[in-house]
Protein backbone atom coordinates (compact mmCIF):
# COMPACT_ATOMS: atom_id res chain seq x y z
CA MET A 1 -9.45 9.56 11.62
CA ASN A 2 -6.05 10.35 13.36
CA ILE A 3 -3.25 12.86 12.71
CA LYS A 4 -0.81 10.70 10.59
CA LYS A 5 -3.40 9.64 8.94
CA ASN A 6 -4.92 12.73 7.89
CA LEU A 7 -1.71 14.14 7.02
CA PHE A 8 -0.62 11.00 4.59
CA LEU A 9 -4.21 11.27 2.81
CA LEU A 10 -3.04 15.43 2.40
CA SER A 11 0.54 14.41 1.05
CA MET A 12 -1.61 12.66 -1.38
CA ALA A 13 -3.75 14.32 -2.69
CA ILE A 14 -1.74 17.93 -3.07
CA PRO A 15 0.52 16.75 -5.57
CA THR A 16 -2.30 15.11 -7.81
CA PHE A 17 -3.86 18.40 -7.66
CA ILE A 18 -0.98 20.66 -8.36
CA THR A 19 0.35 18.21 -11.20
CA GLY A 20 -2.72 16.35 -12.85
CA CYS A 21 -2.89 12.67 -13.64
CA SER A 22 -1.77 11.60 -16.78
CA ASN A 23 -1.99 8.15 -16.56
CA PRO A 24 -4.32 6.67 -13.93
CA MET A 25 -1.77 3.05 -13.53
CA THR A 26 1.47 5.42 -12.43
CA TRP A 27 -0.50 7.05 -10.58
CA ALA A 28 -1.84 4.28 -8.90
CA ASP A 29 1.53 2.36 -8.38
CA ASP A 30 2.98 5.50 -6.92
CA TYR A 31 0.27 6.06 -4.53
CA MET A 32 0.77 2.28 -3.19
CA ASN A 33 4.75 3.60 -2.73
CA GLN A 34 4.06 5.94 -1.03
CA LYS A 35 1.20 3.58 0.97
CA ALA A 36 3.11 0.93 1.49
CA ASN A 37 5.91 3.33 3.30
CA PHE A 38 3.01 4.79 5.02
CA LEU A 39 1.84 1.17 6.65
CA PHE A 40 5.26 -0.26 7.44
CA GLU A 41 6.67 2.51 8.91
CA GLN A 42 3.57 2.56 11.26
CA GLU A 43 5.17 -0.80 12.74
CA GLY A 44 7.81 0.99 13.23
CA TYR A 45 9.97 -0.30 9.82
CA THR A 46 11.31 2.01 7.44
CA LEU A 47 11.55 1.27 3.99
CA THR A 48 14.48 2.60 1.82
CA ASP A 49 13.65 4.20 -1.39
CA ASN A 50 13.37 1.16 -3.56
CA THR A 51 9.75 0.38 -2.97
CA GLU A 52 7.99 -0.63 -6.07
CA CYS A 53 4.70 -1.29 -6.44
CA LYS A 54 2.72 -2.58 -9.16
CA PHE A 55 -1.26 -2.14 -9.14
CA LEU A 56 -3.32 -5.27 -11.13
CA SER A 57 -6.64 -4.34 -12.34
CA GLN A 58 -7.56 -7.76 -13.25
CA LYS A 59 -9.63 -9.72 -10.43
CA LYS A 60 -7.29 -12.57 -8.24
CA GLY A 61 -8.61 -14.22 -6.13
CA ASN A 62 -11.44 -12.87 -3.35
CA TYR A 63 -9.88 -9.32 -4.83
CA LYS A 64 -11.30 -6.94 -6.89
CA SER A 65 -7.88 -4.91 -7.78
CA TYR A 66 -4.52 -6.67 -6.29
CA VAL A 67 -1.11 -4.64 -5.95
CA ILE A 68 1.88 -6.08 -4.88
CA CYS A 69 4.42 -4.47 -3.53
CA THR A 70 8.31 -5.16 -2.91
CA GLY A 71 11.67 -3.49 -1.32
CA THR A 72 14.10 -2.99 1.93
CA THR A 73 14.09 -1.95 5.25
CA ASP A 74 16.96 0.01 5.65
CA ASN A 75 18.71 -2.21 7.67
CA GLY A 76 18.45 -4.39 4.29
CA SER A 77 15.67 -7.08 5.09
CA PRO A 78 13.85 -7.31 2.29
CA ILE A 79 9.90 -6.23 2.44
CA SER A 80 6.27 -7.13 0.44
CA LEU A 81 3.18 -5.79 0.71
CA LYS A 82 0.18 -7.97 -0.97
CA GLY A 83 -3.45 -7.10 -1.02
CA GLY A 84 -6.36 -4.81 -2.42
CA GLN A 85 -9.96 -4.39 -2.19
CA LEU A 86 -12.28 -7.24 -1.81
CA ARG A 87 -14.91 -8.37 -4.52
CA HIS A 88 -16.89 -8.59 -0.83
CA SER A 89 -16.34 -7.18 2.48
CA ASP A 90 -15.08 -10.05 4.65
CA ARG A 91 -16.83 -10.96 8.10
CA HIS A 92 -16.30 -7.85 9.93
CA GLY A 93 -16.56 -5.37 7.10
CA ASN A 94 -13.45 -5.10 5.91
CA LYS A 95 -13.52 -4.11 2.32
CA GLU A 96 -9.85 -3.95 1.80
CA ARG A 97 -6.87 -6.34 3.10
CA TYR A 98 -3.20 -5.50 2.37
CA ILE A 99 -0.57 -8.15 4.64
CA GLY A 100 3.06 -6.80 5.24
CA LYS A 101 6.31 -9.21 5.39
CA ILE A 102 9.55 -8.70 5.92
CA SER A 103 11.47 -11.49 5.63
CA GLY A 104 8.79 -14.07 4.54
CA ARG A 105 7.32 -12.99 8.55
CA LYS A 106 4.08 -11.90 8.59
CA VAL A 107 4.16 -8.45 10.33
CA PHE A 108 1.25 -6.75 10.00
CA VAL A 109 -2.45 -7.04 8.38
CA ASN A 110 -3.92 -3.46 7.36
CA HIS A 111 -7.68 -3.18 6.16
CA GLY A 112 -7.56 -0.09 4.17
């Protein structure tokens, strides 16, 4: 695990520990907002603070749980992040898959 990923996980855990979690769905949405920002930043894209994620607990296609995030990059291009936890691991053993797009063009696939 690299330092950036450790810092990201720590930044997620501290506020939850301090404030508690009254609504699990709100926490999941907030977590995914931060994860979306982190994933796009790893690819060299900075997002504005208007990123919104919706966590869907129902199954969708090959996913046990699914998230849809939308927002914009700092230069105004629309982004989307879709994916979640897979029902079954893929052929490479991955249990999650997230696809990030900018202006409809795939810029990354992340597996957790």
